[in-house]
């Protein structure tokens, strides 16, 4: 009997964690407090969240980011143009090939931080590339799984809106993310 209960729980967990519905629950909603951390990048420089800059973009990615060239283009554009933004690439754990891959992709100027599965869990991030904008007070401003450069740009626009703006997504809404399956017309600036 107890074995049947264990299998039932595992089956329900599998269904809950799978599919696009599960991804919609990933990340953190705008207005919520992001985890606090202090980490050294690969050169030994210290980075922290909340940031000292007005906004910080935490990119949850690994060397697999090479599979998303449009996202890389969007990140390069933000790194070149956004003066109010600190961008960091946060790895789930040690990854010897990530930094050389990021350099090859043209993202060598962005600090690479080695996080942990626990830190990813505190952000509620399971898949990538995931972007999360955090302000200097430690509040999440925008959060989403991304596949395209326009989504990177749109999230940055949303992150700069006041959280109580009628144009911003409400912190109480069911989703704070720019999901690829919602289509270009739904979110493209």
C-alpha atoms as a PDB file:
ATOM      1  CA  UNK A   1       0.000   0.000   0.000  1.00  0.00           C
ATOM      2  CA  UNK A   2       2.702   2.501   0.950  1.00  0.00           C
ATOM      3  CA  UNK A   3       4.510   1.715  -2.313  1.00  0.00           C
ATOM      4  CA  UNK A   4       1.400   2.725  -4.270  1.00  0.00           C
ATOM      5  CA  UNK A   5       1.299   6.012  -2.332  1.00  0.00           C
ATOM      6  CA  UNK A   6       4.954   6.715  -3.140  1.00  0.00           C
ATOM      7  CA  UNK A   7       4.351   6.109  -6.849  1.00  0.00           C
ATOM      8  CA  UNK A   8       1.264   8.337  -6.782  1.00  0.00           C
ATOM      9  CA  UNK A   9       3.243  11.193  -5.202  1.00  0.00           C
ATOM     10  CA  UNK A  10       6.051  10.763  -7.741  1.00  0.00           C
ATOM     11  CA  UNK A  11       3.591  10.753 -10.634  1.00  0.00           C
ATOM     12  CA  UNK A  12       1.872  13.928  -9.391  1.00  0.00           C
ATOM     13  CA  UNK A  13       5.269  15.620  -8.868  1.00  0.00           C
ATOM     14  CA  UNK A  14       6.332  14.677 -12.388  1.00  0.00           C
ATOM     15  CA  UNK A  15       3.172  16.182 -13.881  1.00  0.00           C
ATOM     16  CA  UNK A  16       3.472  19.358 -11.756  1.00  0.00           C
ATOM     17  CA  UNK A  17       7.118  19.918 -12.695  1.00  0.00           C
ATOM     18  CA  UNK A  18       6.721  19.293 -16.414  1.00  0.00           C
ATOM     19  CA  UNK A  19       5.352  21.312 -19.292  1.00  0.00           C
ATOM     20  CA  UNK A  20       4.983  25.011 -19.968  1.00  0.00           C
ATOM     21  CA  UNK A  21       2.714  25.469 -16.963  1.00  0.00           C
ATOM     22  CA  UNK A  22       5.602  24.570 -14.685  1.00  0.00           C
ATOM     23  CA  UNK A  23       7.920  27.069 -16.381  1.00  0.00           C
ATOM     24  CA  UNK A  24       5.310  29.792 -15.821  1.00  0.00           C
ATOM     25  CA  UNK A  25       5.754  29.252 -12.074  1.00  0.00           C
ATOM     26  CA  UNK A  26       9.560  29.488 -12.276  1.00  0.00           C
ATOM     27  CA  UNK A  27      11.479  32.620 -11.379  1.00  0.00           C
ATOM     28  CA  UNK A  28      10.244  35.334  -9.065  1.00  0.00           C
ATOM     29  CA  UNK A  29       7.452  37.875  -9.463  1.00  0.00           C
ATOM     30  CA  UNK A  30       8.130  41.574  -9.804  1.00  0.00           C
ATOM     31  CA  UNK A  31       8.139  43.292  -6.427  1.00  0.00           C
ATOM     32  CA  UNK A  32       9.361  40.261  -4.481  1.00  0.00           C
ATOM     33  CA  UNK A  33      12.685  40.321  -2.638  1.00  0.00           C
ATOM     34  CA  UNK A  34      15.519  38.622  -4.494  1.00  0.00           C
ATOM     35  CA  UNK A  35      18.075  36.527  -2.597  1.00  0.00           C
ATOM     36  CA  UNK A  36      21.035  38.429  -1.163  1.00  0.00           C
ATOM     37  CA  UNK A  37      24.514  37.221  -2.048  1.00  0.00           C
ATOM     38  CA  UNK A  38      28.148  38.240  -2.362  1.00  0.00           C
ATOM     39  CA  UNK A  39      30.233  36.350  -4.950  1.00  0.00           C
ATOM     40  CA  UNK A  40      33.630  36.796  -6.580  1.00  0.00           C
ATOM     41  CA  UNK A  41      33.858  36.614 -10.350  1.00  0.00           C
ATOM     42  CA  UNK A  42      36.496  34.625 -12.207  1.00  0.00           C
ATOM     43  CA  UNK A  43      39.004  37.504 -11.834  1.00  0.00           C
ATOM     44  CA  UNK A  44      38.397  37.847  -8.078  1.00  0.00           C
ATOM     45  CA  UNK A  45      36.262  41.028  -8.203  1.00  0.00           C
ATOM     46  CA  UNK A  46      33.396  41.058  -5.714  1.00  0.00           C
ATOM     47  CA  UNK A  47      29.787  41.386  -6.898  1.00  0.00           C
ATOM     48  CA  UNK A  48      26.691  41.526  -4.747  1.00  0.00           C
ATOM     49  CA  UNK A  49      22.972  41.519  -4.935  1.00  0.00           C
ATOM     50  CA  UNK A  50      21.239  43.817  -4.330  1.00  0.00           C
ATOM     51  CA  UNK A  51      23.522  45.843  -6.571  1.00  0.00           C
ATOM     52  CA  UNK A  52      24.966  49.288  -6.049  1.00  0.00           C
ATOM     53  CA  UNK A  53      23.870  50.155  -9.607  1.00  0.00           C
ATOM     54  CA  UNK A  54      20.224  51.135 -10.151  1.00  0.00           C
ATOM     55  CA  UNK A  55      19.591  47.775 -11.853  1.00  0.00           C
ATOM     56  CA  UNK A  56      21.304  44.409 -12.026  1.00  0.00           C
ATOM     57  CA  UNK A  57      20.620  41.789 -14.665  1.00  0.00           C
ATOM     58  CA  UNK A  58      21.293  38.287 -13.378  1.00  0.00           C
ATOM     59  CA  UNK A  59      21.640  35.937 -16.354  1.00  0.00           C
ATOM     60  CA  UNK A  60      21.072  32.318 -15.363  1.00  0.00           C
ATOM     61  CA  UNK A  61      22.964  30.463 -18.078  1.00  0.00           C
ATOM     62  CA  UNK A  62      25.835  28.148 -18.873  1.00  0.00           C
ATOM     63  CA  UNK A  63      27.949  27.433 -21.936  1.00  0.00           C
ATOM     64  CA  UNK A  64      24.702  26.253 -23.558  1.00  0.00           C
ATOM     65  CA  UNK A  65      23.900  29.948 -24.142  1.00  0.00           C
ATOM     66  CA  UNK A  66      25.633  29.410 -27.507  1.00  0.00           C
ATOM     67  CA  UNK A  67      22.392  27.719 -28.616  1.00  0.00           C
ATOM     68  CA  UNK A  68      20.583  31.070 -28.288  1.00  0.00           C
ATOM     69  CA  UNK A  69      22.449  33.490 -30.612  1.00  0.00           C
ATOM     70  CA  UNK A  70      19.610  36.016 -30.565  1.00  0.00           C
ATOM     71  CA  UNK A  71      19.753  36.186 -26.735  1.00  0.00           C
ATOM     72  CA  UNK A  72      23.533  36.698 -26.970  1.00  0.00           C
ATOM     73  CA  UNK A  73      22.898  39.605 -29.380  1.00  0.00           C
ATOM     74  CA  UNK A  74      20.415  41.145 -26.925  1.00  0.00           C
ATOM     75  CA  UNK A  75      22.852  40.796 -24.017  1.00  0.00           C
ATOM     76  CA  UNK A  76      25.687  42.340 -26.070  1.00  0.00           C
ATOM     77  CA  UNK A  77      23.454  45.281 -26.964  1.00  0.00           C
ATOM     78  CA  UNK A  78      22.465  45.825 -23.318  1.00  0.00           C
ATOM     79  CA  UNK A  79      26.106  45.575 -22.176  1.00  0.00           C
ATOM     80  CA  UNK A  80      27.083  48.206 -24.767  1.00  0.00           C
ATOM     81  CA  UNK A  81      24.168  50.623 -24.336  1.00  0.00           C
ATOM     82  CA  UNK A  82      22.701  50.431 -20.809  1.00  0.00           C
ATOM     83  CA  UNK A  83      24.598  52.737 -18.454  1.00  0.00           C
ATOM     84  CA  UNK A  84      22.331  52.136 -15.435  1.00  0.00           C
ATOM     85  CA  UNK A  85      22.777  48.374 -15.474  1.00  0.00           C
ATOM     86  CA  UNK A  86      25.206  45.835 -14.040  1.00  0.00           C
ATOM     87  CA  UNK A  87      25.067  42.479 -15.848  1.00  0.00           C
ATOM     88  CA  UNK A  88      26.363  39.244 -14.307  1.00  0.00           C
ATOM     89  CA  UNK A  89      26.318  35.690 -15.679  1.00  0.00           C
ATOM     90  CA  UNK A  90      25.444  33.302 -12.840  1.00  0.00           C
ATOM     91  CA  UNK A  91      26.408  29.646 -13.246  1.00  0.00           C
ATOM     92  CA  UNK A  92      24.675  26.826 -11.354  1.00  0.00           C
ATOM     93  CA  UNK A  93      28.091  25.535 -10.247  1.00  0.00           C
ATOM     94  CA  UNK A  94      31.692  25.240 -11.399  1.00  0.00           C
ATOM     95  CA  UNK A  95      31.923  25.027 -15.179  1.00  0.00           C
ATOM     96  CA  UNK A  96      35.377  25.096 -16.784  1.00  0.00           C
ATOM     97  CA  UNK A  97      34.143  25.775 -20.318  1.00  0.00           C
ATOM     98  CA  UNK A  98      31.596  28.523 -19.546  1.00  0.00           C
ATOM     99  CA  UNK A  99      33.948  31.541 -19.320  1.00  0.00           C
ATOM    100  CA  UNK A 100      35.892  30.683 -22.519  1.00  0.00           C
ATOM    101  CA  UNK A 101      32.568  30.086 -24.299  1.00  0.00           C
ATOM    102  CA  UNK A 102      31.165  33.442 -23.111  1.00  0.00           C
ATOM    103  CA  UNK A 103      34.347  35.159 -24.343  1.00  0.00           C
ATOM    104  CA  UNK A 104      34.026  33.421 -27.718  1.00  0.00           C
ATOM    105  CA  UNK A 105      30.398  34.635 -27.920  1.00  0.00           C
ATOM    106  CA  UNK A 106      31.493  38.243 -27.328  1.00  0.00           C
ATOM    107  CA  UNK A 107      30.307  38.381 -23.708  1.00  0.00           C
ATOM    108  CA  UNK A 108      33.819  38.469 -22.195  1.00  0.00           C
ATOM    109  CA  UNK A 109      33.223  41.853 -20.542  1.00  0.00           C
ATOM    110  CA  UNK A 110      30.375  40.451 -18.434  1.00  0.00           C
ATOM    111  CA  UNK A 111      31.475  38.996 -15.059  1.00  0.00           C
ATOM    112  CA  UNK A 112      30.992  35.235 -14.649  1.00  0.00           C
ATOM    113  CA  UNK A 113      29.968  34.149 -11.141  1.00  0.00           C
ATOM    114  CA  UNK A 114      29.908  30.600  -9.850  1.00  0.00           C
ATOM    115  CA  UNK A 115      26.696  30.088  -7.922  1.00  0.00           C
ATOM    116  CA  UNK A 116      25.151  26.872  -6.691  1.00  0.00           C
ATOM    117  CA  UNK A 117      22.086  24.722  -7.155  1.00  0.00           C
ATOM    118  CA  UNK A 118      20.903  26.121  -3.827  1.00  0.00           C
ATOM    119  CA  UNK A 119      21.171  29.727  -5.048  1.00  0.00           C
ATOM    120  CA  UNK A 120      19.336  28.846  -8.266  1.00  0.00           C
ATOM    121  CA  UNK A 121      16.686  27.227  -6.060  1.00  0.00           C
ATOM    122  CA  UNK A 122      16.322  30.408  -3.979  1.00  0.00           C
ATOM    123  CA  UNK A 123      15.649  32.271  -7.238  1.00  0.00           C
ATOM    124  CA  UNK A 124      13.276  29.445  -8.294  1.00  0.00           C
ATOM    125  CA  UNK A 125      15.125  29.000 -11.606  1.00  0.00           C
ATOM    126  CA  UNK A 126      15.350  25.550 -13.199  1.00  0.00           C
ATOM    127  CA  UNK A 127      15.870  26.277 -16.903  1.00  0.00           C
ATOM    128  CA  UNK A 128      17.809  28.793 -18.918  1.00  0.00           C
ATOM    129  CA  UNK A 129      18.597  31.130 -20.289  1.00  0.00           C
ATOM    130  CA  UNK A 130      16.629  32.935 -17.603  1.00  0.00           C
ATOM    131  CA  UNK A 131      16.930  36.674 -16.989  1.00  0.00           C
ATOM    132  CA  UNK A 132      16.066  38.455 -13.774  1.00  0.00           C
ATOM    133  CA  UNK A 133      16.365  42.199 -13.200  1.00  0.00           C
ATOM    134  CA  UNK A 134      16.899  43.273  -9.578  1.00  0.00           C
ATOM    135  CA  UNK A 135      16.922  46.886  -8.362  1.00  0.00           C
ATOM    136  CA  UNK A 136      19.200  48.463  -5.756  1.00  0.00           C
ATOM    137  CA  UNK A 137      16.641  47.792  -3.002  1.00  0.00           C
ATOM    138  CA  UNK A 138      16.754  44.067  -3.772  1.00  0.00           C
ATOM    139  CA  UNK A 139      13.344  43.847  -5.433  1.00  0.00           C
ATOM    140  CA  UNK A 140      12.780  41.844  -8.593  1.00  0.00           C
ATOM    141  CA  UNK A 141      11.758  44.165 -11.427  1.00  0.00           C
ATOM    142  CA  UNK A 142      11.285  41.633 -14.276  1.00  0.00           C
ATOM    143  CA  UNK A 143      11.915  37.909 -14.706  1.00  0.00           C
ATOM    144  CA  UNK A 144      11.589  35.505 -17.615  1.00  0.00           C
ATOM    145  CA  UNK A 145      12.867  32.622 -19.639  1.00  0.00           C
ATOM    146  CA  UNK A 146      14.095  34.113 -22.936  1.00  0.00           C
ATOM    147  CA  UNK A 147      14.811  32.832 -26.430  1.00  0.00           C
ATOM    148  CA  UNK A 148      15.137  36.038 -28.469  1.00  0.00           C
ATOM    149  CA  UNK A 149      16.861  39.432 -28.356  1.00  0.00           C
ATOM    150  CA  UNK A 150      13.554  41.326 -28.407  1.00  0.00           C
ATOM    151  CA  UNK A 151      12.592  39.573 -25.160  1.00  0.00           C
ATOM    152  CA  UNK A 152      15.824  40.802 -23.545  1.00  0.00           C
ATOM    153  CA  UNK A 153      14.982  44.374 -24.652  1.00  0.00           C
ATOM    154  CA  UNK A 154      11.369  44.120 -23.517  1.00  0.00           C
ATOM    155  CA  UNK A 155      12.322  42.801 -20.078  1.00  0.00           C
ATOM    156  CA  UNK A 156      14.757  45.694 -19.669  1.00  0.00           C
ATOM    157  CA  UNK A 157      11.957  48.134 -20.554  1.00  0.00           C
ATOM    158  CA  UNK A 158       9.651  46.479 -18.016  1.00  0.00           C
ATOM    159  CA  UNK A 159      12.384  46.520 -15.353  1.00  0.00           C
ATOM    160  CA  UNK A 160      12.722  50.293 -15.678  1.00  0.00           C
ATOM    161  CA  UNK A 161       9.002  50.954 -15.098  1.00  0.00           C
ATOM    162  CA  UNK A 162       7.888  51.834 -11.565  1.00  0.00           C
ATOM    163  CA  UNK A 163       6.365  48.776  -9.934  1.00  0.00           C
ATOM    164  CA  UNK A 164       3.128  50.681  -9.313  1.00  0.00           C
ATOM    165  CA  UNK A 165       2.896  51.935 -12.914  1.00  0.00           C
ATOM    166  CA  UNK A 166      -0.301  51.021 -14.783  1.00  0.00           C
ATOM    167  CA  UNK A 167       1.948  49.970 -17.703  1.00  0.00           C
ATOM    168  CA  UNK A 168       3.927  47.558 -15.515  1.00  0.00           C
ATOM    169  CA  UNK A 169       2.697  44.077 -14.812  1.00  0.00           C
ATOM    170  CA  UNK A 170       1.108  43.917 -11.390  1.00  0.00           C
ATOM    171  CA  UNK A 171       3.103  42.059  -8.709  1.00  0.00           C
ATOM    172  CA  UNK A 172      -0.120  40.192  -7.973  1.00  0.00           C
ATOM    173  CA  UNK A 173      -0.689  38.973 -11.515  1.00  0.00           C
ATOM    174  CA  UNK A 174      -0.253  35.297 -12.239  1.00  0.00           C
ATOM    175  CA  UNK A 175       2.701  35.803 -14.556  1.00  0.00           C
ATOM    176  CA  UNK A 176       5.525  38.326 -14.700  1.00  0.00           C
ATOM    177  CA  UNK A 177       7.314  36.759 -17.622  1.00  0.00           C
ATOM    178  CA  UNK A 178       7.765  37.271 -21.338  1.00  0.00           C
ATOM    179  CA  UNK A 179       7.127  33.730 -22.455  1.00  0.00           C
ATOM    180  CA  UNK A 180       8.141  32.647 -25.947  1.00  0.00           C
ATOM    181  CA  UNK A 181       4.844  30.867 -26.520  1.00  0.00           C
ATOM    182  CA  UNK A 182       2.895  34.096 -25.985  1.00  0.00           C
ATOM    183  CA  UNK A 183       4.101  35.239 -29.379  1.00  0.00           C
ATOM    184  CA  UNK A 184       6.011  38.187 -30.729  1.00  0.00           C
ATOM    185  CA  UNK A 185       2.967  40.411 -31.172  1.00  0.00           C
ATOM    186  CA  UNK A 186       1.992  40.116 -27.507  1.00  0.00           C
ATOM    187  CA  UNK A 187       5.245  41.624 -26.205  1.00  0.00           C
ATOM    188  CA  UNK A 188       7.334  43.132 -28.985  1.00  0.00           C
ATOM    189  CA  UNK A 189       8.028  46.851 -28.387  1.00  0.00           C
END
